[in-house]
């Protein structure tokens, strides 16, 4: 009696693009490193790691588009990496740095930030095909993380200059963490910079301004980055007020 030959099942091999996902993995590592350093009390290193994660997060998508290696796996992996680097890490850094002195209020505000980042990422993933790509609905999670990490960075680097504000610093940290968390899930619109064209001609004086900005940024990176993201976070509310005064729709 002849038995049928059993052939092994052919499973479709799952493959991923290495280059863009390597940038995403590096951003995830930077977020994890920030958490570890915060647990060890090295808050300045934690803050810098958040900004490094921001740079890497901005590169992975651009590398994928330039090399035509976009994939559904990459999009999901990027979202999970963002949750760690810009959701969990800033919340834990702020809590370990200042918020834990508030007791239950401190960890509640830290969780509001963490939950806001999760909700912001989920809404972005589900609305990506229907929203106006020129605008973000709510503050992007990397910008929210920059607000928290930037405050930690300047609070440590300029500790002597801010000595007079030292008693108020925990309350400032509480406000910034809560503000960032709630703004992520708001309907306030923020410019996405996707209409910025690098090939567009500009006046020569623009190069002089760019050189000046680079020099200031190189000499005072913490202060320049923090001021930039404060301005960006405020820009959404300024535009919202302007729309209300002009009676223009502000729905994202």
Protein backbone atom coordinates (compact mmCIF):
# COMPACT_ATOMS: atom_id res chain seq x y z
CA UNK A 1 0.00 0.00 0.00
CA UNK A 2 1.48 3.27 -1.08
CA UNK A 3 1.20 6.17 1.27
CA UNK A 4 1.12 9.69 -0.15
CA UNK A 5 4.33 11.57 0.27
CA UNK A 6 3.97 14.34 2.80
CA UNK A 7 5.46 17.54 1.52
CA UNK A 8 6.40 20.38 3.84
CA UNK A 9 4.04 23.31 3.87
CA UNK A 10 5.34 26.32 2.03
CA UNK A 11 5.03 29.35 4.23
CA UNK A 12 5.52 32.77 2.73
CA UNK A 13 8.70 34.23 4.09
CA UNK A 14 8.28 37.53 5.85
CA UNK A 15 10.93 40.05 4.94
CA UNK A 16 11.51 43.67 5.94
CA UNK A 17 13.57 46.55 4.63
CA UNK A 18 16.68 46.92 6.73
CA UNK A 19 17.74 50.54 6.21
CA UNK A 20 14.64 52.53 7.30
CA UNK A 21 13.82 50.10 10.09
CA UNK A 22 17.37 50.42 11.37
CA UNK A 23 16.75 54.13 11.93
CA UNK A 24 13.49 53.29 13.69
CA UNK A 25 15.26 50.74 15.87
CA UNK A 26 17.90 53.32 16.74
CA UNK A 27 15.18 55.80 17.74
CA UNK A 28 13.62 53.11 19.92
CA UNK A 29 16.99 52.47 21.55
CA UNK A 30 17.42 56.20 22.23
CA UNK A 31 14.02 56.24 23.98
CA UNK A 32 14.92 53.18 26.03
CA UNK A 33 18.30 54.71 26.90
CA UNK A 34 16.51 57.87 28.06
CA UNK A 35 14.36 55.82 30.44
CA UNK A 36 17.38 53.96 31.86
CA UNK A 37 19.33 57.18 32.40
CA UNK A 38 16.34 58.80 34.13
CA UNK A 39 16.10 55.82 36.48
CA UNK A 40 19.78 56.36 37.31
CA UNK A 41 19.26 60.07 37.93
CA UNK A 42 21.12 61.23 34.79
CA UNK A 43 18.40 63.54 33.55
CA UNK A 44 20.49 65.63 31.16
CA UNK A 45 21.52 62.51 29.24
CA UNK A 46 17.87 61.45 29.19
CA UNK A 47 16.79 64.75 27.66
CA UNK A 48 19.51 64.65 25.01
CA UNK A 49 18.53 61.07 24.13
CA UNK A 50 14.95 62.23 23.47
CA UNK A 51 16.20 64.81 20.96
CA UNK A 52 18.42 62.20 19.32
CA UNK A 53 15.35 59.96 19.01
CA UNK A 54 13.54 62.86 17.32
CA UNK A 55 16.28 63.19 14.70
CA UNK A 56 16.30 59.46 14.01
CA UNK A 57 12.50 59.38 13.85
CA UNK A 58 12.54 62.15 11.27
CA UNK A 59 15.10 60.29 9.16
CA UNK A 60 13.47 56.86 8.94
CA UNK A 61 10.46 58.00 6.91
CA UNK A 62 12.55 60.15 4.60
CA UNK A 63 15.02 57.33 4.02
CA UNK A 64 12.13 54.97 3.24
CA UNK A 65 10.68 57.40 0.69
CA UNK A 66 14.03 58.16 -0.92
CA UNK A 67 14.89 54.47 -1.28
CA UNK A 68 11.30 53.41 -2.08
CA UNK A 69 11.28 51.00 0.86
CA UNK A 70 8.01 52.01 2.53
CA UNK A 71 6.11 49.12 4.09
CA UNK A 72 3.20 48.49 6.42
CA UNK A 73 5.58 46.85 8.85
CA UNK A 74 7.74 49.97 8.89
CA UNK A 75 4.75 52.20 9.60
CA UNK A 76 3.61 50.04 12.52
CA UNK A 77 7.13 49.71 13.88
CA UNK A 78 7.59 53.48 13.70
CA UNK A 79 4.37 54.04 15.65
CA UNK A 80 5.42 51.64 18.40
CA UNK A 81 8.85 53.24 18.59
CA UNK A 82 7.24 56.68 18.90
CA UNK A 83 5.12 55.47 21.79
CA UNK A 84 8.21 54.47 23.73
CA UNK A 85 10.46 57.40 22.79
CA UNK A 86 7.87 60.20 22.85
CA UNK A 87 5.18 58.76 25.10
CA UNK A 88 6.57 56.59 27.88
CA UNK A 89 10.09 58.04 28.10
CA UNK A 90 9.18 61.74 28.57
CA UNK A 91 6.48 60.85 31.11
CA UNK A 92 8.91 58.80 33.20
CA UNK A 93 11.67 61.41 32.89
CA UNK A 94 9.37 64.19 34.09
CA UNK A 95 8.10 62.00 36.93
CA UNK A 96 11.55 61.00 38.14
CA UNK A 97 12.87 64.55 37.75
CA UNK A 98 10.19 66.64 39.48
CA UNK A 99 6.71 65.15 39.47
CA UNK A 100 7.23 62.40 42.02
CA UNK A 101 7.39 65.05 44.75
CA UNK A 102 3.68 65.71 44.10
CA UNK A 103 2.70 62.16 45.06
CA UNK A 104 -0.49 60.93 43.39
CA UNK A 105 -0.89 64.16 41.43
CA UNK A 106 2.57 63.72 39.95
CA UNK A 107 2.08 60.22 38.59
CA UNK A 108 -1.45 61.12 37.45
CA UNK A 109 -0.11 63.99 35.31
CA UNK A 110 2.65 61.74 33.98
CA UNK A 111 0.04 59.17 33.00
CA UNK A 112 -2.10 61.84 31.32
CA UNK A 113 0.89 62.68 29.16
CA UNK A 114 1.53 59.00 28.38
CA UNK A 115 -2.14 58.36 27.54
CA UNK A 116 -2.26 61.53 25.44
CA UNK A 117 0.67 60.29 23.36
CA UNK A 118 -1.00 56.90 22.83
CA UNK A 119 -4.29 58.49 21.80
CA UNK A 120 -2.49 60.98 19.55
CA UNK A 121 -0.65 58.21 17.72
CA UNK A 122 -3.78 56.08 17.37
CA UNK A 123 -5.76 59.01 15.96
CA UNK A 124 -2.95 59.90 13.56
CA UNK A 125 -2.77 56.32 12.24
CA UNK A 126 -6.53 56.09 11.67
CA UNK A 127 -6.96 59.58 10.16
CA UNK A 128 -3.83 59.68 8.02
CA UNK A 129 -5.79 59.35 4.76
CA UNK A 130 -8.54 61.87 5.53
CA UNK A 131 -6.86 64.89 7.15
CA UNK A 132 -5.23 67.86 5.46
CA UNK A 133 -1.56 66.91 5.23
CA UNK A 134 -0.52 70.54 5.64
CA UNK A 135 -1.62 70.45 9.28
CA UNK A 136 -1.32 68.19 12.30
CA UNK A 137 -4.41 67.61 14.41
CA UNK A 138 -3.09 68.15 17.91
CA UNK A 139 0.52 68.65 18.90
CA UNK A 140 2.76 65.92 17.38
CA UNK A 141 4.18 63.56 19.98
CA UNK A 142 7.85 64.39 19.14
CA UNK A 143 7.14 68.09 19.73
CA UNK A 144 5.36 67.31 22.99
CA UNK A 145 8.35 65.22 24.07
CA UNK A 146 10.65 68.11 23.14
CA UNK A 147 8.73 70.42 25.48
CA UNK A 148 9.22 68.07 28.42
CA UNK A 149 12.78 67.04 27.59
CA UNK A 150 13.76 70.64 26.76
CA UNK A 151 12.53 71.84 30.14
CA UNK A 152 14.56 69.13 31.86
CA UNK A 153 17.62 70.00 29.80
CA UNK A 154 17.61 73.75 30.49
CA UNK A 155 16.59 73.15 34.11
CA UNK A 156 19.84 71.26 34.63
CA UNK A 157 22.19 73.14 32.29
CA UNK A 158 21.08 76.55 33.52
CA UNK A 159 20.53 75.56 37.14
CA UNK A 160 22.64 78.42 38.50
CA UNK A 161 20.93 81.01 36.29
CA UNK A 162 17.49 79.69 37.25
CA UNK A 163 18.23 79.47 40.98
CA UNK A 164 15.60 82.09 41.72
CA UNK A 165 13.00 79.92 39.96
CA UNK A 166 14.05 76.74 41.73
CA UNK A 167 11.06 76.68 44.15
CA UNK A 168 8.65 77.11 41.23
CA UNK A 169 10.37 74.59 38.92
CA UNK A 170 8.29 71.56 40.06
CA UNK A 171 5.08 73.47 39.29
CA UNK A 172 6.47 74.55 35.92
CA UNK A 173 7.30 70.92 35.14
CA UNK A 174 3.81 69.89 36.21
CA UNK A 175 2.25 72.50 33.92
CA UNK A 176 4.41 71.67 30.90
CA UNK A 177 3.77 67.93 31.21
CA UNK A 178 0.02 68.43 31.55
CA UNK A 179 -0.07 71.03 28.76
CA UNK A 180 1.85 68.77 26.38
CA UNK A 181 -0.32 65.74 27.16
CA UNK A 182 -3.62 67.57 26.66
CA UNK A 183 -2.48 69.47 23.57
CA UNK A 184 -1.63 66.20 21.82
CA UNK A 185 -5.29 65.14 21.94
CA UNK A 186 -6.74 68.57 21.19
CA UNK A 187 -8.22 69.63 17.85
CA UNK A 188 -5.83 72.58 17.58
CA UNK A 189 -4.01 72.59 14.25
CA UNK A 190 -0.23 72.81 13.90
CA UNK A 191 1.66 73.40 10.68
CA UNK A 192 3.24 70.16 9.45
CA UNK A 193 6.11 71.79 7.46
CA UNK A 194 5.22 69.48 4.56
CA UNK A 195 4.77 72.48 2.28
CA UNK A 196 8.35 73.59 2.86
CA UNK A 197 10.22 73.28 -0.46
CA UNK A 198 14.00 73.10 -0.19
CA UNK A 199 14.38 73.93 -3.92
CA UNK A 200 12.53 77.22 -3.64
CA UNK A 201 14.72 80.28 -4.12
CA UNK A 202 15.18 82.65 -1.18
CA UNK A 203 16.86 86.06 -0.77
CA UNK A 204 20.58 86.06 -0.01
CA UNK A 205 19.92 87.51 3.45
CA UNK A 206 18.18 84.23 4.33
CA UNK A 207 21.58 82.50 4.22
CA UNK A 208 22.98 85.04 6.68
CA UNK A 209 20.05 84.43 9.00
CA UNK A 210 20.60 80.67 8.68
CA UNK A 211 24.28 81.07 9.62
CA UNK A 212 23.32 83.18 12.64
CA UNK A 213 20.76 80.59 13.77
CA UNK A 214 23.31 77.79 13.39
CA UNK A 215 25.88 79.69 15.46
CA UNK A 216 23.40 80.41 18.23
CA UNK A 217 22.12 76.84 18.13
CA UNK A 218 25.63 75.43 18.37
CA UNK A 219 26.49 77.64 21.35
CA UNK A 220 23.18 77.25 23.23
CA UNK A 221 21.49 74.10 21.88
CA UNK A 222 19.28 73.46 24.92
CA UNK A 223 17.93 77.00 25.04
CA UNK A 224 17.42 77.32 21.28
CA UNK A 225 15.61 74.00 20.93
CA UNK A 226 13.41 74.66 23.95
CA UNK A 227 12.44 78.13 22.71
CA UNK A 228 11.70 76.79 19.24
CA UNK A 229 9.31 74.11 20.50
CA UNK A 230 7.64 76.52 22.90
CA UNK A 231 7.01 78.78 19.93
CA UNK A 232 5.72 75.87 17.87
CA UNK A 233 3.37 74.72 20.65
CA UNK A 234 2.09 78.27 21.07
CA UNK A 235 1.63 78.74 17.31
CA UNK A 236 -1.30 76.33 17.21
CA UNK A 237 -3.21 78.27 19.84
CA UNK A 238 -2.34 81.61 18.24
CA UNK A 239 -3.70 80.33 14.93
CA UNK A 240 -6.79 78.99 16.70
CA UNK A 241 -7.49 82.39 18.27
CA UNK A 242 -6.88 84.10 14.94
CA UNK A 243 -9.37 81.75 13.24
CA UNK A 244 -11.94 82.48 15.94
CA UNK A 245 -11.48 86.21 15.55
CA UNK A 246 -11.76 85.92 11.78
CA UNK A 247 -14.59 83.40 12.12
CA UNK A 248 -12.76 80.84 10.03
CA UNK A 249 -13.14 77.06 10.46
CA UNK A 250 -10.37 75.43 12.46
CA UNK A 251 -11.38 71.78 12.16
CA UNK A 252 -8.48 69.49 11.29
